[in-house]
Amino acid sequence: MDDDQLREVRITADQAAGTVVLDGRDISRQVSGYQLSQRAGLPAMLVLYLSPLVKDDFEGLAHVVVADPPEPGPAAAAFLSAIDAG
């Protein structure tokens, strides 16, 4: 299978719940969050954050990047150090 092949993604979200479907397969229970971005002229990039209930395995077809949530400490420290109280 070609890793650069694009996959069909359907995301529905509202205030109460949402679904993430890859190639017709609902993977919502395996995902704790997602980030969707797109630049002009390029395909969309979908980053999935796996639910803590999911072990190291993941089954799904998409042009997907699986990421760990970033630690907020270093970014917050850099932001706060850049603020001039005066």
Protein backbone atom coordinates (compact mmCIF):
# COMPACT_ATOMS: atom_id res chain seq x y z
CA MET A 1 0.00 0.00 0.00
CA ASP A 2 1.30 3.45 -0.90
CA ASP A 3 1.67 5.51 2.31
CA ASP A 4 1.18 8.76 0.36
CA GLN A 5 -2.22 7.66 -0.94
CA LEU A 6 -5.01 9.92 0.28
CA ARG A 7 -7.95 8.38 2.13
CA GLU A 8 -11.57 9.38 2.49
CA VAL A 9 -12.15 11.20 5.77
CA ARG A 10 -15.49 12.37 7.16
CA ILE A 11 -15.68 14.33 10.41
CA THR A 12 -18.91 15.51 11.99
CA ALA A 13 -18.86 17.55 15.16
CA ASP A 14 -21.35 19.38 17.30
CA GLN A 15 -21.47 20.53 20.91
CA ALA A 16 -22.41 17.11 22.30
CA ALA A 17 -20.49 14.57 20.21
CA GLY A 18 -18.63 13.99 17.00
CA THR A 19 -17.53 11.22 14.69
CA VAL A 20 -14.37 10.50 12.75
CA VAL A 21 -14.78 8.09 9.83
CA LEU A 22 -11.87 6.84 7.70
CA ASP A 23 -12.76 5.02 4.48
CA GLY A 24 -16.24 4.32 5.82
CA ARG A 25 -15.04 2.94 9.18
CA ASP A 26 -16.06 4.85 12.32
CA ILE A 27 -12.97 5.19 14.56
CA SER A 28 -14.48 7.75 16.95
CA ARG A 29 -14.05 5.56 20.04
CA GLN A 30 -10.34 5.21 19.33
CA VAL A 31 -9.74 8.96 19.02
CA SER A 32 -9.63 11.50 21.85
CA GLY A 33 -9.15 14.46 19.53
CA TYR A 34 -8.01 15.60 16.13
CA GLN A 35 -6.49 18.54 14.34
CA LEU A 36 -7.36 19.25 10.72
CA SER A 37 -5.41 21.74 8.65
CA GLN A 38 -4.93 22.54 4.99
CA ARG A 39 -2.70 24.80 2.96
CA ALA A 40 -3.72 26.20 -0.40
CA GLY A 41 -3.01 23.74 -3.19
CA LEU A 42 -2.26 20.82 -0.85
CA PRO A 43 -4.40 18.00 0.52
CA ALA A 44 -5.72 18.34 4.06
CA MET A 45 -3.59 16.97 6.91
CA LEU A 46 -5.40 15.14 9.68
CA VAL A 47 -3.62 14.58 13.01
CA LEU A 48 -5.34 12.08 15.30
CA TYR A 49 -4.83 11.92 19.05
CA LEU A 50 -5.50 8.39 20.21
CA SER A 51 -7.70 7.71 23.19
CA PRO A 52 -5.82 6.59 26.32
CA LEU A 53 -7.95 3.44 26.14
CA VAL A 54 -6.27 2.44 22.86
CA LYS A 55 -3.07 0.46 23.16
CA ASP A 56 -0.16 0.87 20.77
CA ASP A 57 -2.07 -0.56 17.83
CA PHE A 58 -4.11 1.55 15.44
CA GLU A 59 -6.06 0.38 12.45
CA GLY A 60 -7.29 2.93 9.97
CA LEU A 61 -6.56 4.12 6.48
CA ALA A 62 -5.85 7.80 5.90
CA HIS A 63 -3.06 10.23 5.21
CA VAL A 64 -2.78 10.63 8.95
CA VAL A 65 -0.20 11.73 11.48
CA VAL A 66 -0.66 10.20 14.93
CA ALA A 67 0.74 12.51 17.61
CA ASP A 68 1.06 12.82 21.36
CA PRO A 69 -0.39 15.99 22.91
CA PRO A 70 2.44 18.47 23.51
CA GLU A 71 3.55 19.23 27.06
CA PRO A 72 2.31 22.77 27.81
CA GLY A 73 5.08 23.59 30.33
CA PRO A 74 7.94 24.63 27.99
CA ALA A 75 5.65 26.59 25.66
CA ALA A 76 3.99 28.36 28.58
CA ALA A 77 7.37 29.23 30.12
CA ALA A 78 8.62 30.66 26.82
CA PHE A 79 5.43 32.67 26.39
CA LEU A 80 5.53 34.07 29.93
CA SER A 81 9.23 34.97 29.69
CA ALA A 82 8.49 37.01 26.56
CA ILE A 83 5.91 39.22 28.30
CA ASP A 84 7.17 42.63 29.39
CA ALA A 85 5.33 43.60 32.57
CA GLY A 86 6.27 47.26 32.02
